PDB file of N, CA and C in Angstrom:
ATOM      1  N   MET A   1      57.583 137.559 183.319  1.00  0.00           N
ATOM      2  CA  MET A   1      58.382 138.284 182.344  1.00  0.00           C
ATOM      3  C   MET A   1      57.699 138.250 180.985  1.00  0.00           C
ATOM      4  N   LYS A   2      57.929 139.294 180.255  1.00  0.00           N
ATOM      5  CA  LYS A   2      57.363 139.351 178.909  1.00  0.00           C
ATOM      6  C   LYS A   2      58.093 138.385 177.987  1.00  0.00           C
ATOM      7  N   ASP A   3      57.445 138.064 176.922  1.00  0.00           N
ATOM      8  CA  ASP A   3      58.039 137.224 175.898  1.00  0.00           C
ATOM      9  C   ASP A   3      59.262 137.931 175.325  1.00  0.00           C
ATOM     10  N   LYS A   4      60.338 137.197 175.145  1.00  0.00           N
ATOM     11  CA  LYS A   4      61.579 137.788 174.652  1.00  0.00           C
ATOM     12  C   LYS A   4      61.632 137.918 173.137  1.00  0.00           C
ATOM     13  N   LYS A   5      60.607 137.487 172.438  1.00  0.00           N
ATOM     14  CA  LYS A   5      60.624 137.584 170.983  1.00  0.00           C
ATOM     15  C   LYS A   5      60.726 139.046 170.573  1.00  0.00           C
ATOM     16  N   GLY A   6      61.546 139.305 169.586  1.00  0.00           N
ATOM     17  CA  GLY A   6      61.710 140.670 169.091  1.00  0.00           C
ATOM     18  C   GLY A   6      62.806 141.434 169.822  1.00  0.00           C
ATOM     19  N   LYS A   7      63.307 140.903 170.911  1.00  0.00           N
ATOM     20  CA  LYS A   7      64.395 141.559 171.639  1.00  0.00           C
ATOM     21  C   LYS A   7      65.566 140.593 171.699  1.00  0.00           C
ATOM     22  N   ILE A   8      66.739 141.150 171.524  1.00  0.00           N
ATOM     23  CA  ILE A   8      67.919 140.307 171.637  1.00  0.00           C
ATOM     24  C   ILE A   8      68.569 140.577 172.986  1.00  0.00           C
ATOM     25  N   GLY A   9      69.410 139.667 173.443  1.00  0.00           N
ATOM     26  CA  GLY A   9      70.053 139.778 174.748  1.00  0.00           C
ATOM     27  C   GLY A   9      70.861 141.048 174.919  1.00  0.00           C
ATOM     28  N   PHE A  10      71.431 141.538 173.826  1.00  0.00           N
ATOM     29  CA  PHE A  10      72.239 142.745 173.896  1.00  0.00           C
ATOM     30  C   PHE A  10      71.404 143.925 174.360  1.00  0.00           C
ATOM     31  N   GLN A  11      70.173 144.006 173.912  1.00  0.00           N
ATOM     32  CA  GLN A  11      69.279 145.096 174.320  1.00  0.00           C
ATOM     33  C   GLN A  11      68.985 145.029 175.814  1.00  0.00           C
ATOM     34  N   HIS A  12      68.820 143.814 176.332  1.00  0.00           N
ATOM     35  CA  HIS A  12      68.581 143.639 177.761  1.00  0.00           C
ATOM     36  C   HIS A  12      69.820 144.043 178.556  1.00  0.00           C
ATOM     37  N   ALA A  13      70.989 143.685 178.027  1.00  0.00           N
ATOM     38  CA  ALA A  13      72.234 144.048 178.705  1.00  0.00           C
ATOM     39  C   ALA A  13      72.395 145.564 178.765  1.00  0.00           C
ATOM     40  N   LEU A  14      72.111 146.240 177.664  1.00  0.00           N
ATOM     41  CA  LEU A  14      72.196 147.707 177.661  1.00  0.00           C
ATOM     42  C   LEU A  14      71.174 148.324 178.602  1.00  0.00           C
ATOM     43  N   ALA A  15      69.985 147.745 178.649  1.00  0.00           N
ATOM     44  CA  ALA A  15      68.958 148.239 179.575  1.00  0.00           C
ATOM     45  C   ALA A  15      69.433 148.068 181.022  1.00  0.00           C
ATOM     46  N   GLY A  16      70.102 146.971 181.290  1.00  0.00           N
ATOM     47  CA  GLY A  16      70.643 146.735 182.629  1.00  0.00           C
ATOM     48  C   GLY A  16      71.721 147.740 182.989  1.00  0.00           C
ATOM     49  N   LEU A  17      72.607 148.021 182.040  1.00  0.00           N
ATOM     50  CA  LEU A  17      73.657 149.023 182.284  1.00  0.00           C
ATOM     51  C   LEU A  17      73.048 150.398 182.546  1.00  0.00           C
ATOM     52  N   ARG A  18      72.047 150.761 181.745  1.00  0.00           N
ATOM     53  CA  ARG A  18      71.368 152.053 181.949  1.00  0.00           C
ATOM     54  C   ARG A  18      70.711 152.112 183.324  1.00  0.00           C
ATOM     55  N   ALA A  19      70.045 151.036 183.700  1.00  0.00           N
ATOM     56  CA  ALA A  19      69.347 151.007 184.990  1.00  0.00           C
ATOM     57  C   ALA A  19      70.330 151.142 186.152  1.00  0.00           C
ATOM     58  N   VAL A  20      71.435 150.422 186.073  1.00  0.00           N
ATOM     59  CA  VAL A  20      72.433 150.508 187.139  1.00  0.00           C
ATOM     60  C   VAL A  20      73.070 151.897 187.150  1.00  0.00           C
ATOM     61  N   PHE A  21      73.369 152.439 185.984  1.00  0.00           N
ATOM     62  CA  PHE A  21      73.967 153.781 185.915  1.00  0.00           C
ATOM     63  C   PHE A  21      73.032 154.823 186.543  1.00  0.00           C
ATOM     64  N   LYS A  22      71.737 154.715 186.245  1.00  0.00           N
ATOM     65  CA  LYS A  22      70.773 155.695 186.761  1.00  0.00           C
ATOM     66  C   LYS A  22      70.553 155.544 188.264  1.00  0.00           C
ATOM     67  N   SER A  23      70.624 154.321 188.773  1.00  0.00           N
ATOM     68  CA  SER A  23      70.229 154.085 190.161  1.00  0.00           C
ATOM     69  C   SER A  23      71.384 153.969 191.157  1.00  0.00           C
ATOM     70  N   GLU A  24      72.586 153.745 190.686  1.00  0.00           N
ATOM     71  CA  GLU A  24      73.694 153.473 191.597  1.00  0.00           C
ATOM     72  C   GLU A  24      74.781 154.532 191.494  1.00  0.00           C
ATOM     73  N   TRP A  25      74.928 155.319 192.561  1.00  0.00           N
ATOM     74  CA  TRP A  25      75.938 156.372 192.593  1.00  0.00           C
ATOM     75  C   TRP A  25      77.340 155.795 192.437  1.00  0.00           C
ATOM     76  N   ASN A  26      77.636 154.668 193.084  1.00  0.00           N
ATOM     77  CA  ASN A  26      78.981 154.078 193.001  1.00  0.00           C
ATOM     78  C   ASN A  26      79.344 153.697 191.569  1.00  0.00           C
ATOM     79  N   PHE A  27      78.372 153.180 190.819  1.00  0.00           N
ATOM     80  CA  PHE A  27      78.650 152.818 189.431  1.00  0.00           C
ATOM     81  C   PHE A  27      78.965 154.071 188.616  1.00  0.00           C
ATOM     82  N   ARG A  28      78.199 155.132 188.834  1.00  0.00           N
ATOM     83  CA  ARG A  28      78.474 156.397 188.130  1.00  0.00           C
ATOM     84  C   ARG A  28      79.857 156.919 188.500  1.00  0.00           C
ATOM     85  N   PHE A  29      80.233 156.807 189.766  1.00  0.00           N
ATOM     86  CA  PHE A  29      81.570 157.224 190.206  1.00  0.00           C
ATOM     87  C   PHE A  29      82.646 156.445 189.458  1.00  0.00           C
ATOM     88  N   HIS A  30      82.469 155.140 189.334  1.00  0.00           N
ATOM     89  CA  HIS A  30      83.453 154.308 188.628  1.00  0.00           C
ATOM     90  C   HIS A  30      83.517 154.663 187.143  1.00  0.00           C
ATOM     91  N   VAL A  31      82.380 154.947 186.536  1.00  0.00           N
ATOM     92  CA  VAL A  31      82.372 155.329 185.117  1.00  0.00           C
ATOM     93  C   VAL A  31      83.079 156.678 184.923  1.00  0.00           C
ATOM     94  N   ILE A  32      82.823 157.640 185.802  1.00  0.00           N
ATOM     95  CA  ILE A  32      83.509 158.937 185.716  1.00  0.00           C
ATOM     96  C   ILE A  32      85.010 158.750 185.917  1.00  0.00           C
ATOM     97  N   SER A  33      85.387 157.920 186.887  1.00  0.00           N
ATOM     98  CA  SER A  33      86.808 157.623 187.112  1.00  0.00           C
ATOM     99  C   SER A  33      87.432 157.004 185.869  1.00  0.00           C
ATOM    100  N   MET A  34      86.697 156.100 185.227  1.00  0.00           N
ATOM    101  CA  MET A  34      87.172 155.458 184.012  1.00  0.00           C
ATOM    102  C   MET A  34      87.444 156.500 182.920  1.00  0.00           C
ATOM    103  N   MET A  35      86.532 157.441 182.762  1.00  0.00           N
ATOM    104  CA  MET A  35      86.720 158.469 181.735  1.00  0.00           C
ATOM    105  C   MET A  35      87.950 159.327 182.043  1.00  0.00           C
ATOM    106  N   LEU A  36      88.149 159.664 183.305  1.00  0.00           N
ATOM    107  CA  LEU A  36      89.332 160.453 183.680  1.00  0.00           C
ATOM    108  C   LEU A  36      90.622 159.677 183.423  1.00  0.00           C
ATOM    109  N   VAL A  37      90.607 158.385 183.711  1.00  0.00           N
ATOM    110  CA  VAL A  37      91.788 157.550 183.451  1.00  0.00           C
ATOM    111  C   VAL A  37      92.045 157.464 181.947  1.00  0.00           C
ATOM    112  N   PHE A  38      90.995 157.342 181.140  1.00  0.00           N
ATOM    113  CA  PHE A  38      91.171 157.321 179.686  1.00  0.00           C
ATOM    114  C   PHE A  38      91.788 158.626 179.188  1.00  0.00           C
ATOM    115  N   ILE A  39      91.324 159.749 179.722  1.00  0.00           N
ATOM    116  CA  ILE A  39      91.893 161.043 179.329  1.00  0.00           C
ATOM    117  C   ILE A  39      93.373 161.099 179.731  1.00  0.00           C
ATOM    118  N   ALA A  40      93.667 160.669 180.949  1.00  0.00           N
ATOM    119  CA  ALA A  40      95.072 160.654 181.398  1.00  0.00           C
ATOM    120  C   ALA A  40      95.903 159.727 180.514  1.00  0.00           C
ATOM    121  N   GLY A  41      95.346 158.593 180.140  1.00  0.00           N
ATOM    122  CA  GLY A  41      96.062 157.660 179.270  1.00  0.00           C
ATOM    123  C   GLY A  41      96.389 158.270 177.922  1.00  0.00           C
ATOM    124  N   LEU A  42      95.460 159.041 177.387  1.00  0.00           N
ATOM    125  CA  LEU A  42      95.712 159.720 176.111  1.00  0.00           C
ATOM    126  C   LEU A  42      96.782 160.792 176.268  1.00  0.00           C
ATOM    127  N   LEU A  43      96.707 161.547 177.354  1.00  0.00           N
ATOM    128  CA  LEU A  43      97.692 162.607 177.589  1.00  0.00           C
ATOM    129  C   LEU A  43      99.100 162.053 177.787  1.00  0.00           C
ATOM    130  N   PHE A  44      99.194 160.930 178.485  1.00  0.00           N
ATOM    131  CA  PHE A  44     100.506 160.333 178.762  1.00  0.00           C
ATOM    132  C   PHE A  44     100.944 159.321 177.706  1.00  0.00           C
ATOM    133  N   GLU A  45     100.151 159.172 176.673  1.00  0.00           N
ATOM    134  CA  GLU A  45     100.476 158.276 175.554  1.00  0.00           C
ATOM    135  C   GLU A  45     100.912 156.889 176.041  1.00  0.00           C
ATOM    136  N   LEU A  46      99.985 156.204 176.667  1.00  0.00           N
ATOM    137  CA  LEU A  46     100.269 154.882 177.207  1.00  0.00           C
ATOM    138  C   LEU A  46     100.653 153.906 176.103  1.00  0.00           C
ATOM    139  N   SER A  47     101.479 152.936 176.471  1.00  0.00           N
ATOM    140  CA  SER A  47     101.838 151.870 175.536  1.00  0.00           C
ATOM    141  C   SER A  47     100.667 150.904 175.405  1.00  0.00           C
ATOM    142  N   GLN A  48     100.761 150.001 174.439  1.00  0.00           N
ATOM    143  CA  GLN A  48      99.688 149.004 174.256  1.00  0.00           C
ATOM    144  C   GLN A  48      99.518 148.150 175.507  1.00  0.00           C
ATOM    145  N   LEU A  49     100.606 147.752 176.119  1.00  0.00           N
ATOM    146  CA  LEU A  49     100.528 146.931 177.331  1.00  0.00           C
ATOM    147  C   LEU A  49      99.892 147.716 178.477  1.00  0.00           C
ATOM    148  N   GLU A  50     100.263 148.975 178.622  1.00  0.00           N
ATOM    149  CA  GLU A  50      99.671 149.810 179.668  1.00  0.00           C
ATOM    150  C   GLU A  50      98.168 149.976 179.445  1.00  0.00           C
ATOM    151  N   TRP A  51      97.774 150.221 178.185  1.00  0.00           N
ATOM    152  CA  TRP A  51      96.343 150.319 177.872  1.00  0.00           C
ATOM    153  C   TRP A  51      95.625 149.014 178.202  1.00  0.00           C
ATOM    154  N   ALA A  52      96.252 147.901 177.848  1.00  0.00           N
ATOM    155  CA  ALA A  52      95.626 146.603 178.113  1.00  0.00           C
ATOM    156  C   ALA A  52      95.396 146.409 179.614  1.00  0.00           C
ATOM    157  N   LEU A  53      96.382 146.764 180.415  1.00  0.00           N
ATOM    158  CA  LEU A  53      96.234 146.629 181.866  1.00  0.00           C
ATOM    159  C   LEU A  53      95.155 147.569 182.408  1.00  0.00           C
ATOM    160  N   ILE A  54      95.147 148.802 181.917  1.00  0.00           N
ATOM    161  CA  ILE A  54      94.149 149.777 182.365  1.00  0.00           C
ATOM    162  C   ILE A  54      92.742 149.292 182.002  1.00  0.00           C
ATOM    163  N   ILE A  55      92.562 148.848 180.771  1.00  0.00           N
ATOM    164  CA  ILE A  55      91.247 148.363 180.328  1.00  0.00           C
ATOM    165  C   ILE A  55      90.836 147.137 181.130  1.00  0.00           C
ATOM    166  N   LEU A  56      91.773 146.252 181.412  1.00  0.00           N
ATOM    167  CA  LEU A  56      91.471 145.051 182.189  1.00  0.00           C
ATOM    168  C   LEU A  56      90.999 145.398 183.599  1.00  0.00           C
ATOM    169  N   VAL A  57      91.717 146.288 184.293  1.00  0.00           N
ATOM    170  CA  VAL A  57      91.312 146.594 185.669  1.00  0.00           C
ATOM    171  C   VAL A  57      90.042 147.442 185.715  1.00  0.00           C
ATOM    172  N   ILE A  58      89.840 148.314 184.725  1.00  0.00           N
ATOM    173  CA  ILE A  58      88.587 149.065 184.666  1.00  0.00           C
ATOM    174  C   ILE A  58      87.420 148.090 184.465  1.00  0.00           C
ATOM    175  N   GLY A  59      87.587 147.153 183.558  1.00  0.00           N
ATOM    176  CA  GLY A  59      86.553 146.140 183.344  1.00  0.00           C
ATOM    177  C   GLY A  59      86.285 145.340 184.608  1.00  0.00           C
ATOM    178  N   MET A  60      87.342 145.009 185.342  1.00  0.00           N
ATOM    179  CA  MET A  60      87.193 144.250 186.582  1.00  0.00           C
ATOM    180  C   MET A  60      86.380 145.051 187.612  1.00  0.00           C
ATOM    181  N   VAL A  61      86.668 146.335 187.747  1.00  0.00           N
ATOM    182  CA  VAL A  61      85.942 147.166 188.718  1.00  0.00           C
ATOM    183  C   VAL A  61      84.474 147.303 188.313  1.00  0.00           C
ATOM    184  N   LEU A  62      84.225 147.611 187.048  1.00  0.00           N
ATOM    185  CA  LEU A  62      82.837 147.761 186.592  1.00  0.00           C
ATOM    186  C   LEU A  62      82.074 146.450 186.726  1.00  0.00           C
ATOM    187  N   LEU A  63      82.726 145.347 186.401  1.00  0.00           N
ATOM    188  CA  LEU A  63      82.099 144.038 186.530  1.00  0.00           C
ATOM    189  C   LEU A  63      81.734 143.746 187.980  1.00  0.00           C
ATOM    190  N   THR A  64      82.659 143.954 188.901  1.00  0.00           N
ATOM    191  CA  THR A  64      82.350 143.663 190.301  1.00  0.00           C
ATOM    192  C   THR A  64      81.261 144.597 190.830  1.00  0.00           C
ATOM    193  N   GLU A  65      81.251 145.847 190.375  1.00  0.00           N
ATOM    194  CA  GLU A  65      80.196 146.777 190.803  1.00  0.00           C
ATOM    195  C   GLU A  65      78.830 146.320 190.282  1.00  0.00           C
ATOM    196  N   LEU A  66      78.778 145.865 189.036  1.00  0.00           N
ATOM    197  CA  LEU A  66      77.521 145.350 188.478  1.00  0.00           C
ATOM    198  C   LEU A  66      77.046 144.105 189.229  1.00  0.00           C
ATOM    199  N   LEU A  67      77.966 143.195 189.496  1.00  0.00           N
ATOM    200  CA  LEU A  67      77.596 141.980 190.232  1.00  0.00           C
ATOM    201  C   LEU A  67      77.171 142.310 191.657  1.00  0.00           C
ATOM    202  N   ASN A  68      77.869 143.241 192.297  1.00  0.00           N
ATOM    203  CA  ASN A  68      77.499 143.671 193.642  1.00  0.00           C
ATOM    204  C   ASN A  68      76.075 144.228 193.652  1.00  0.00           C
ATOM    205  N   THR A  69      75.770 145.064 192.680  1.00  0.00           N
ATOM    206  CA  THR A  69      74.425 145.641 192.594  1.00  0.00           C
ATOM    207  C   THR A  69      73.386 144.555 192.394  1.00  0.00           C
ATOM    208  N   ALA A  70      73.660 143.611 191.505  1.00  0.00           N
ATOM    209  CA  ALA A  70      72.707 142.519 191.262  1.00  0.00           C
ATOM    210  C   ALA A  70      72.503 141.681 192.521  1.00  0.00           C
ATOM    211  N   ILE A  71      73.577 141.386 193.226  1.00  0.00           N
ATOM    212  CA  ILE A  71      73.476 140.595 194.454  1.00  0.00           C
ATOM    213  C   ILE A  71      72.685 141.362 195.513  1.00  0.00           C
ATOM    214  N   GLU A  72      72.977 142.645 195.679  1.00  0.00           N
ATOM    215  CA  GLU A  72      72.254 143.440 196.678  1.00  0.00           C
ATOM    216  C   GLU A  72      70.761 143.502 196.363  1.00  0.00           C
ATOM    217  N   LYS A  73      70.428 143.738 195.090  1.00  0.00           N
ATOM    218  CA  LYS A  73      69.008 143.815 194.709  1.00  0.00           C
ATOM    219  C   LYS A  73      68.311 142.472 194.918  1.00  0.00           C
ATOM    220  N   MET A  74      69.015 141.383 194.615  1.00  0.00           N
ATOM    221  CA  MET A  74      68.418 140.062 194.793  1.00  0.00           C
ATOM    222  C   MET A  74      68.178 139.770 196.276  1.00  0.00           C
ATOM    223  N   ILE A  75      69.146 140.094 197.109  1.00  0.00           N
ATOM    224  CA  ILE A  75      68.983 139.876 198.550  1.00  0.00           C
ATOM    225  C   ILE A  75      67.825 140.725 199.082  1.00  0.00           C
ATOM    226  N   ASP A  76      67.761 141.998 198.641  1.00  0.00           N
ATOM    227  CA  ASP A  76      66.655 142.863 199.072  1.00  0.00           C
ATOM    228  C   ASP A  76      65.304 142.295 198.649  1.00  0.00           C
ATOM    229  N   TYR A  77      65.259 141.666 197.488  1.00  0.00           N
ATOM    230  CA  TYR A  77      64.024 141.077 196.971  1.00  0.00           C
ATOM    231  C   TYR A  77      63.650 139.807 197.751  1.00  0.00           C
ATOM    232  N   LEU A  78      64.661 138.949 197.969  1.00  0.00           N
ATOM    233  CA  LEU A  78      64.394 137.666 198.614  1.00  0.00           C
ATOM    234  C   LEU A  78      64.231 137.782 200.126  1.00  0.00           C
ATOM    235  N   ARG A  79      64.958 138.725 200.721  1.00  0.00           N
ATOM    236  CA  ARG A  79      64.956 138.848 202.177  1.00  0.00           C
ATOM    237  C   ARG A  79      64.929 140.330 202.546  1.00  0.00           C
ATOM    238  N   PRO A  80      63.761 140.989 202.382  1.00  0.00           N
ATOM    239  CA  PRO A  80      63.700 142.435 202.622  1.00  0.00           C
ATOM    240  C   PRO A  80      63.979 142.827 204.075  1.00  0.00           C
ATOM    241  N   GLU A  81      63.703 141.910 205.015  1.00  0.00           N
ATOM    242  CA  GLU A  81      64.001 142.233 206.407  1.00  0.00           C
ATOM    243  C   GLU A  81      65.496 142.032 206.676  1.00  0.00           C
ATOM    244  N   VAL A  82      65.989 142.721 207.695  1.00  0.00           N
ATOM    245  CA  VAL A  82      67.413 142.607 208.038  1.00  0.00           C
ATOM    246  C   VAL A  82      67.668 141.217 208.611  1.00  0.00           C
ATOM    247  N   HIS A  83      68.686 140.570 208.076  1.00  0.00           N
ATOM    248  CA  HIS A  83      69.051 139.236 208.525  1.00  0.00           C
ATOM    249  C   HIS A  83      70.576 139.135 208.486  1.00  0.00           C
ATOM    250  N   PRO A  84      71.195 138.519 209.503  1.00  0.00           N
ATOM    251  CA  PRO A  84      72.666 138.455 209.535  1.00  0.00           C
ATOM    252  C   PRO A  84      73.286 137.795 208.303  1.00  0.00           C
ATOM    253  N   LYS A  85      72.657 136.760 207.789  1.00  0.00           N
ATOM    254  CA  LYS A  85      73.213 136.092 206.601  1.00  0.00           C
ATOM    255  C   LYS A  85      73.066 136.969 205.361  1.00  0.00           C
ATOM    256  N   ALA A  86      71.947 137.679 205.257  1.00  0.00           N
ATOM    257  CA  ALA A  86      71.766 138.601 204.128  1.00  0.00           C
ATOM    258  C   ALA A  86      72.805 139.713 204.209  1.00  0.00           C
ATOM    259  N   ARG A  87      73.025 140.236 205.399  1.00  0.00           N
ATOM    260  CA  ARG A  87      74.038 141.291 205.597  1.00  0.00           C
ATOM    261  C   ARG A  87      75.418 140.788 205.188  1.00  0.00           C
ATOM    262  N   PHE A  88      75.749 139.551 205.586  1.00  0.00           N
ATOM    263  CA  PHE A  88      77.044 138.964 205.234  1.00  0.00           C
ATOM    264  C   PHE A  88      77.217 138.887 203.716  1.00  0.00           C
ATOM    265  N   ILE A  89      76.188 138.418 203.032  1.00  0.00           N
ATOM    266  CA  ILE A  89      76.243 138.289 201.566  1.00  0.00           C
ATOM    267  C   ILE A  89      76.479 139.657 200.930  1.00  0.00           C
ATOM    268  N   LYS A  90      75.727 140.665 201.375  1.00  0.00           N
ATOM    269  CA  LYS A  90      75.869 142.007 200.810  1.00  0.00           C
ATOM    270  C   LYS A  90      77.243 142.595 201.127  1.00  0.00           C
ATOM    271  N   ASP A  91      77.730 142.374 202.348  1.00  0.00           N
ATOM    272  CA  ASP A  91      79.043 142.895 202.721  1.00  0.00           C
ATOM    273  C   ASP A  91      80.163 142.211 201.922  1.00  0.00           C
ATOM    274  N   ALA A  92      80.028 140.911 201.710  1.00  0.00           N
ATOM    275  CA  ALA A  92      81.040 140.185 200.929  1.00  0.00           C
ATOM    276  C   ALA A  92      81.074 140.681 199.485  1.00  0.00           C
ATOM    277  N   ALA A  93      79.901 140.929 198.913  1.00  0.00           N
ATOM    278  CA  ALA A  93      79.845 141.442 197.536  1.00  0.00           C
ATOM    279  C   ALA A  93      80.466 142.839 197.464  1.00  0.00           C
ATOM    280  N   ALA A  94      80.169 143.673 198.454  1.00  0.00           N
ATOM    281  CA  ALA A  94      80.774 145.012 198.494  1.00  0.00           C
ATOM    282  C   ALA A  94      82.288 144.907 198.682  1.00  0.00           C
ATOM    283  N   GLY A  95      82.719 143.927 199.463  1.00  0.00           N
ATOM    284  CA  GLY A  95      84.153 143.704 199.647  1.00  0.00           C
ATOM    285  C   GLY A  95      84.852 143.357 198.339  1.00  0.00           C
ATOM    286  N   ALA A  96      84.172 142.628 197.472  1.00  0.00           N
ATOM    287  CA  ALA A  96      84.741 142.298 196.162  1.00  0.00           C
ATOM    288  C   ALA A  96      84.984 143.567 195.347  1.00  0.00           C
ATOM    289  N   VAL A  97      84.058 144.507 195.434  1.00  0.00           N
ATOM    290  CA  VAL A  97      84.236 145.780 194.724  1.00  0.00           C
ATOM    291  C   VAL A  97      85.434 146.525 195.299  1.00  0.00           C
ATOM    292  N   LEU A  98      85.553 146.534 196.612  1.00  0.00           N
ATOM    293  CA  LEU A  98      86.681 147.213 197.249  1.00  0.00           C
ATOM    294  C   LEU A  98      88.008 146.605 196.822  1.00  0.00           C
ATOM    295  N   VAL A  99      88.094 145.287 196.816  1.00  0.00           N
ATOM    296  CA  VAL A  99      89.338 144.618 196.395  1.00  0.00           C
ATOM    297  C   VAL A  99      89.670 144.969 194.950  1.00  0.00           C
ATOM    298  N   SER A 100      88.685 144.896 194.058  1.00  0.00           N
ATOM    299  CA  SER A 100      88.962 145.211 192.653  1.00  0.00           C
ATOM    300  C   SER A 100      89.360 146.678 192.490  1.00  0.00           C
ATOM    301  N   SER A 101      88.765 147.563 193.274  1.00  0.00           N
ATOM    302  CA  SER A 101      89.115 148.985 193.201  1.00  0.00           C
ATOM    303  C   SER A 101      90.540 149.232 193.694  1.00  0.00           C
ATOM    304  N   ILE A 102      90.924 148.563 194.771  1.00  0.00           N
ATOM    305  CA  ILE A 102      92.290 148.711 195.286  1.00  0.00           C
ATOM    306  C   ILE A 102      93.301 148.219 194.259  1.00  0.00           C
ATOM    307  N   VAL A 103      93.013 147.076 193.646  1.00  0.00           N
ATOM    308  CA  VAL A 103      93.914 146.552 192.604  1.00  0.00           C
ATOM    309  C   VAL A 103      94.010 147.551 191.452  1.00  0.00           C
ATOM    310  N   ALA A 104      92.888 148.130 191.042  1.00  0.00           N
ATOM    311  CA  ALA A 104      92.894 149.101 189.944  1.00  0.00           C
ATOM    312  C   ALA A 104      93.724 150.330 190.311  1.00  0.00           C
ATOM    313  N   VAL A 105      93.576 150.813 191.527  1.00  0.00           N
ATOM    314  CA  VAL A 105      94.364 151.979 191.963  1.00  0.00           C
ATOM    315  C   VAL A 105      95.850 151.637 191.970  1.00  0.00           C
ATOM    316  N   LEU A 106      96.203 150.466 192.463  1.00  0.00           N
ATOM    317  CA  LEU A 106      97.626 150.067 192.488  1.00  0.00           C
ATOM    318  C   LEU A 106      98.206 149.977 191.076  1.00  0.00           C
ATOM    319  N   ILE A 107      97.466 149.358 190.161  1.00  0.00           N
ATOM    320  CA  ILE A 107      97.918 149.279 188.760  1.00  0.00           C
ATOM    321  C   ILE A 107      98.035 150.687 188.186  1.00  0.00           C
ATOM    322  N   GLY A 108      97.060 151.543 188.474  1.00  0.00           N
ATOM    323  CA  GLY A 108      97.115 152.932 188.007  1.00  0.00           C
ATOM    324  C   GLY A 108      98.335 153.661 188.536  1.00  0.00           C
ATOM    325  N   LEU A 109      98.652 153.458 189.807  1.00  0.00           N
ATOM    326  CA  LEU A 109      99.849 154.093 190.373  1.00  0.00           C
ATOM    327  C   LEU A 109     101.126 153.580 189.711  1.00  0.00           C
ATOM    328  N   ILE A 110     101.190 152.285 189.489  1.00  0.00           N
ATOM    329  CA  ILE A 110     102.377 151.699 188.836  1.00  0.00           C
ATOM    330  C   ILE A 110     102.563 152.303 187.444  1.00  0.00           C
ATOM    331  N   ILE A 111     101.475 152.532 186.739  1.00  0.00           N
ATOM    332  CA  ILE A 111     101.563 153.055 185.374  1.00  0.00           C
ATOM    333  C   ILE A 111     101.750 154.567 185.353  1.00  0.00           C
ATOM    334  N   PHE A 112     100.955 155.287 186.134  1.00  0.00           N
ATOM    335  CA  PHE A 112     100.938 156.746 186.007  1.00  0.00           C
ATOM    336  C   PHE A 112     101.942 157.479 186.903  1.00  0.00           C
ATOM    337  N   LEU A 113     102.278 156.937 188.062  1.00  0.00           N
ATOM    338  CA  LEU A 113     103.158 157.661 188.974  1.00  0.00           C
ATOM    339  C   LEU A 113     104.522 157.977 188.364  1.00  0.00           C
ATOM    340  N   PRO A 114     105.198 157.011 187.725  1.00  0.00           N
ATOM    341  CA  PRO A 114     106.484 157.357 187.097  1.00  0.00           C
ATOM    342  C   PRO A 114     106.337 158.435 186.015  1.00  0.00           C
ATOM    343  N   LYS A 115     105.246 158.399 185.294  1.00  0.00           N
ATOM    344  CA  LYS A 115     105.013 159.402 184.239  1.00  0.00           C
ATOM    345  C   LYS A 115     104.789 160.781 184.861  1.00  0.00           C
ATOM    346  N   LEU A 116     104.037 160.826 185.956  1.00  0.00           N
ATOM    347  CA  LEU A 116     103.818 162.098 186.645  1.00  0.00           C
ATOM    348  C   LEU A 116     105.120 162.638 187.237  1.00  0.00           C
ATOM    349  N   LEU A 117     105.896 161.761 187.851  1.00  0.00           N
ATOM    350  CA  LEU A 117     107.148 162.198 188.467  1.00  0.00           C
ATOM    351  C   LEU A 117     108.154 162.694 187.429  1.00  0.00           C
ATOM    352  N   SER A 118     108.101 162.137 186.245  1.00  0.00           N
ATOM    353  CA  SER A 118     109.069 162.547 185.201  1.00  0.00           C
ATOM    354  C   SER A 118     108.794 163.948 184.678  1.00  0.00           C
ATOM    355  N   ILE A 119     107.555 164.433 184.824  1.00  0.00           N
ATOM    356  CA  ILE A 119     107.275 165.800 184.343  1.00  0.00           C
ATOM    357  C   ILE A 119     107.406 166.841 185.450  1.00  0.00           C
ATOM    358  N   LEU A 120     107.600 166.393 186.674  1.00  0.00           N
ATOM    359  CA  LEU A 120     107.743 167.331 187.783  1.00  0.00           C
ATOM    360  C   LEU A 120     109.165 167.788 187.987  1.00  0.00           C
TER     361      LEU A 120
END
């Protein structure tokens, strides 16, 4: 690795986000979903508590997607050949993303469904 002098950790973090955004379709999907939820939140004038919950679950999904990507890349680097234990690790990390996404959808339904039904 190059010497870190002249660069701060924040720059590396942004570079990591850019790299994951460019290379991972699932991360881009989650970011687009996040933007749509933000637009819906503005349209439905969410309360502070509702915004806090939405921001929390969006952060949870993006975080698990980033960690999943890092774990998958590390496994591919350390064990490029197919191995049952490597597969298990990658599947478990992907499962974490699925769980966080399901929780986010459930929270979204709890918040947005009553608002949608009230205008119908």
